Structures are given as C-alpha cells and as structure tokens.
C-alpha cells in the first residue's frame, strides 16, 4: 500500500495519473452541475407550487412569477396546444445538464478501466525486465485498481445525481400540467 501521495505519484504510471486528473475534473463538474440545477429546480418547483395553489383556490389567472404566465399573457385564447408547447418548453429547460450527467455516468468506468489496463501493461513490462516478485505485481495491480475504483466512484455520483434531477424535472412538469389543466377547466 502506498504510504503518501508523493509515493503514489512517484510509483504511478503517467496515464494513471492523467486518468485520475480527468476523473477529478469530472467529479468537480458533476457536483457543480448537480447543485446548481438542484437549487434552481427547487426554487422553480416552489414557485410553481404556489401558482398551482392559487389556481386551486379560485384564481382565474396564473401569477406573474409562474412559468405559464409567459404563455397566457400574450395569448388571446387558451388552448391545449398552447399548454402542450409550454409543457415541452419547461421540460426542455428543466432537464438541462442531465445529458452531461448521463454521459459522465456511462463513460467514467471506462476511463478508469483504461487507466487500469495501461497500469497492468506497465506492471507486466516491469516483471519482464526484472525478476518478477509478488511485490512488483501487487504494487502494479494496486496502482491499476485505483483508477478503476475512481471511475466507478465518479459514475455512482453522476448516476445518482442524474436520477435525482430527472425526478425533480418530472415533478416540475407535473406541476405545469396541473396548472394547465386547471386553467383549461375554467375556460369551459
């Protein structure tokens, strides 16, 4: 086992270090995307909840802060097609960043695996050049598996974040649909 980061840095293959750097950048990026989108979606859901409550309490129009207000103020008549367009537009806006999280979740294990394969190849090269002891093999495999573990670690977070934001987006779309239905029911 490596004693310090300096020892790890000295003994690791450059490709493994590059893989760990890329995975670190991905990890920072997915955390930024997740928390930024989570806070913005939570605020949006809160305002849409308030708008839905006002409609359910008898209001005939959506408040200015509601997403549907952009579609209802300029329209002379309300229609299902108009509200469908609003639902699609809100879904598009709410799901921003999900593709990035999905790509990271699916690619980071492969990036880690790439680092593992290169490190194992390097270990076998060292075994061929020197008398192959179990210590050389163990150190090389240990170095290699750190890259794989890091890839899986980042993928777990990216996938979890993707699922949380996807659920929030679904919740938001449902709130906008309910507001649309409430407004259309009053038009009849």
Protein backbone atom coordinates (compact mmCIF):
# COMPACT_ATOMS: atom_id res chain seq x y z
CA UNK A 1 0.00 0.00 0.00
CA UNK A 2 1.22 3.50 -0.76
CA UNK A 3 2.27 5.49 2.28
CA UNK A 4 1.87 9.03 0.97
CA UNK A 5 0.59 10.86 -2.04
CA UNK A 6 4.20 11.55 -3.08
CA UNK A 7 4.94 7.81 -3.08
CA UNK A 8 1.81 7.17 -5.12
CA UNK A 9 2.77 9.90 -7.56
CA UNK A 10 6.31 8.54 -7.95
CA UNK A 11 5.22 4.93 -8.48
CA UNK A 12 2.19 5.51 -10.71
CA UNK A 13 2.17 5.34 -14.46
CA UNK A 14 1.64 8.77 -16.11
CA UNK A 15 -1.51 7.52 -17.83
CA UNK A 16 -2.96 6.51 -14.47
CA UNK A 17 -2.24 9.98 -13.12
CA UNK A 18 -3.86 11.53 -16.21
CA UNK A 19 -6.92 9.32 -15.76
CA UNK A 20 -7.19 10.36 -12.12
CA UNK A 21 -6.88 14.02 -13.14
CA UNK A 22 -9.65 13.66 -15.73
CA UNK A 23 -11.88 11.87 -13.24
CA UNK A 24 -11.22 14.61 -10.67
CA UNK A 25 -12.28 17.27 -13.16
CA UNK A 26 -15.40 15.25 -13.98
CA UNK A 27 -16.21 14.90 -10.29
CA UNK A 28 -15.95 18.65 -9.73
CA UNK A 29 -18.07 19.31 -12.83
CA UNK A 30 -20.86 16.90 -11.91
CA UNK A 31 -21.07 18.33 -8.41
CA UNK A 32 -21.31 21.85 -9.80
CA UNK A 33 -23.99 20.84 -12.33
CA UNK A 34 -25.94 18.92 -9.73
CA UNK A 35 -26.04 21.53 -7.00
CA UNK A 36 -26.65 24.42 -9.41
CA UNK A 37 -29.52 22.58 -11.11
CA UNK A 38 -30.91 21.23 -7.82
CA UNK A 39 -31.16 24.68 -6.24
CA UNK A 40 -32.64 26.25 -9.37
CA UNK A 41 -35.16 23.42 -9.82
CA UNK A 42 -36.17 23.57 -6.15
CA UNK A 43 -36.85 27.30 -6.46
CA UNK A 44 -38.79 26.76 -9.67
CA UNK A 45 -40.84 23.94 -8.13
CA UNK A 46 -41.60 26.13 -5.12
CA UNK A 47 -42.93 28.96 -7.28
CA UNK A 48 -44.97 26.56 -9.43
CA UNK A 49 -46.43 25.01 -6.27
CA UNK A 50 -47.52 28.46 -5.10
CA UNK A 51 -49.02 29.16 -8.52
CA UNK A 52 -50.93 25.86 -8.51
CA UNK A 53 -52.24 26.57 -5.02
CA UNK A 54 -53.55 29.96 -6.13
CA UNK A 55 -55.29 28.36 -9.10
CA UNK A 56 -56.83 25.69 -6.92
CA UNK A 57 -58.03 28.38 -4.51
CA UNK A 58 -60.00 30.01 -7.32
CA UNK A 59 -57.66 32.36 -9.16
CA UNK A 60 -58.57 32.72 -12.85
CA UNK A 61 -55.03 33.53 -13.99
CA UNK A 62 -51.54 32.36 -13.16
CA UNK A 63 -49.34 34.72 -11.15
CA UNK A 64 -46.59 36.68 -12.90
CA UNK A 65 -43.84 34.53 -11.40
CA UNK A 66 -45.30 31.28 -12.80
CA UNK A 67 -43.83 29.75 -15.94
CA UNK A 68 -47.21 29.62 -17.69
CA UNK A 69 -47.61 33.38 -17.37
CA UNK A 70 -45.22 33.78 -20.33
CA UNK A 71 -47.66 31.82 -22.47
CA UNK A 72 -51.01 33.04 -21.17
CA UNK A 73 -50.45 36.82 -21.23
CA UNK A 74 -49.69 37.00 -24.94
CA UNK A 75 -52.39 34.52 -25.98
CA UNK A 76 -55.89 35.75 -26.75
CA UNK A 77 -57.39 32.33 -26.01
CA UNK A 78 -56.08 29.44 -24.00
CA UNK A 79 -55.77 26.09 -25.74
CA UNK A 80 -54.44 22.62 -25.08
CA UNK A 81 -51.88 23.09 -27.87
CA UNK A 82 -50.56 26.24 -26.20
CA UNK A 83 -50.19 24.44 -22.88
CA UNK A 84 -48.57 21.43 -24.54
CA UNK A 85 -45.99 23.78 -26.03
CA UNK A 86 -45.43 25.32 -22.60
CA UNK A 87 -45.00 21.86 -21.05
CA UNK A 88 -42.44 20.86 -23.66
CA UNK A 89 -40.56 24.14 -23.25
CA UNK A 90 -40.48 23.77 -19.47
CA UNK A 91 -39.30 20.16 -19.72
CA UNK A 92 -36.51 21.22 -22.06
CA UNK A 93 -35.43 23.92 -19.62
CA UNK A 94 -35.75 21.68 -16.56
CA UNK A 95 -33.67 18.84 -17.99
CA UNK A 96 -30.62 20.94 -18.87
CA UNK A 97 -27.47 19.25 -17.59
CA UNK A 98 -28.97 15.77 -17.48
CA UNK A 99 -27.24 14.68 -20.68
CA UNK A 100 -23.85 15.63 -19.25
CA UNK A 101 -24.52 13.66 -16.07
CA UNK A 102 -25.66 10.68 -18.12
CA UNK A 103 -22.56 10.77 -20.32
CA UNK A 104 -20.27 11.03 -17.29
CA UNK A 105 -22.08 8.18 -15.54
CA UNK A 106 -21.65 5.92 -18.53
CA UNK A 107 -18.08 6.84 -19.54
CA UNK A 108 -16.16 7.23 -16.30
CA UNK A 109 -15.94 3.49 -15.57
CA UNK A 110 -14.35 3.07 -19.00
CA UNK A 111 -11.92 5.89 -18.37
CA UNK A 112 -10.93 4.22 -15.10
CA UNK A 113 -10.65 0.88 -16.85
CA UNK A 114 -8.35 2.43 -19.44
CA UNK A 115 -6.04 3.59 -16.66
CA UNK A 116 -6.17 0.12 -15.14
CA UNK A 117 -5.24 -1.63 -18.38
CA UNK A 118 -2.31 0.72 -19.02
CA UNK A 119 -1.02 0.26 -15.46
CA UNK A 120 -1.27 -3.52 -15.68
CA UNK A 121 0.56 -3.49 -19.02
CA UNK A 122 3.27 -1.38 -17.40
CA UNK A 123 3.44 -3.84 -14.50
CA UNK A 124 3.91 -6.77 -16.88
CA UNK A 125 6.65 -4.83 -18.66
CA UNK A 126 8.45 -4.35 -15.31
CA UNK A 127 8.06 -8.04 -14.50
CA UNK A 128 9.66 -8.96 -17.81
CA UNK A 129 12.63 -6.66 -17.23
CA UNK A 130 13.35 -7.67 -13.65
CA UNK A 131 12.94 -10.72 -11.57
CA UNK A 132 9.17 -10.80 -11.10
CA UNK A 133 8.35 -10.89 -7.45
CA UNK A 134 4.93 -10.73 -5.91
CA UNK A 135 5.79 -7.26 -4.56
CA UNK A 136 6.13 -5.83 -8.08
CA UNK A 137 2.90 -7.46 -9.18
CA UNK A 138 0.97 -6.35 -6.07
CA UNK A 139 2.16 -2.74 -6.34
CA UNK A 140 1.26 -2.58 -10.04
CA UNK A 141 -2.17 -4.11 -9.61
CA UNK A 142 -2.87 -1.87 -6.62
CA UNK A 143 -1.98 1.20 -8.68
CA UNK A 144 -4.11 -0.07 -11.53
CA UNK A 145 -7.19 -0.74 -9.42
CA UNK A 146 -7.18 2.79 -8.02
CA UNK A 147 -8.04 4.06 -11.49
CA UNK A 148 -10.95 1.62 -11.83
CA UNK A 149 -12.26 2.41 -8.36
CA UNK A 150 -12.08 6.13 -9.09
CA UNK A 151 -14.03 5.69 -12.32
CA UNK A 152 -16.73 3.73 -10.55
CA UNK A 153 -16.83 6.25 -7.69
CA UNK A 154 -17.46 9.16 -10.08
CA UNK A 155 -20.02 7.13 -12.05
CA UNK A 156 -22.02 6.37 -8.90
CA UNK A 157 -22.35 10.07 -8.09
CA UNK A 158 -23.11 11.05 -11.68
CA UNK A 159 -25.83 8.41 -12.00
CA UNK A 160 -27.36 9.30 -8.63
CA UNK A 161 -27.35 13.00 -9.47
CA UNK A 162 -28.92 12.25 -12.86
CA UNK A 163 -31.75 10.31 -11.23
CA UNK A 164 -32.43 12.98 -8.60
CA UNK A 165 -32.57 15.78 -11.18
CA UNK A 166 -34.67 13.66 -13.53
CA UNK A 167 -37.21 13.16 -10.74
CA UNK A 168 -37.25 16.88 -9.95
CA UNK A 169 -37.83 17.65 -13.64
CA UNK A 170 -40.69 15.16 -13.73
CA UNK A 171 -42.21 16.80 -10.64
CA UNK A 172 -41.95 20.22 -12.26
CA UNK A 173 -43.54 19.01 -15.49
CA UNK A 174 -46.41 17.58 -13.46
CA UNK A 175 -46.99 20.90 -11.70
CA UNK A 176 -47.11 22.76 -15.01
CA UNK A 177 -49.52 20.18 -16.45
CA UNK A 178 -51.79 20.52 -13.41
CA UNK A 179 -51.81 24.32 -13.79
CA UNK A 180 -52.64 23.93 -17.49
CA UNK A 181 -55.49 21.58 -16.70
CA UNK A 182 -56.81 23.94 -14.03
CA UNK A 183 -56.79 26.86 -16.45
CA UNK A 184 -58.40 24.85 -19.26
CA UNK A 185 -61.15 23.61 -16.93
CA UNK A 186 -62.12 27.20 -16.18
CA UNK A 187 -62.35 28.05 -19.89
CA UNK A 188 -65.12 25.52 -20.50
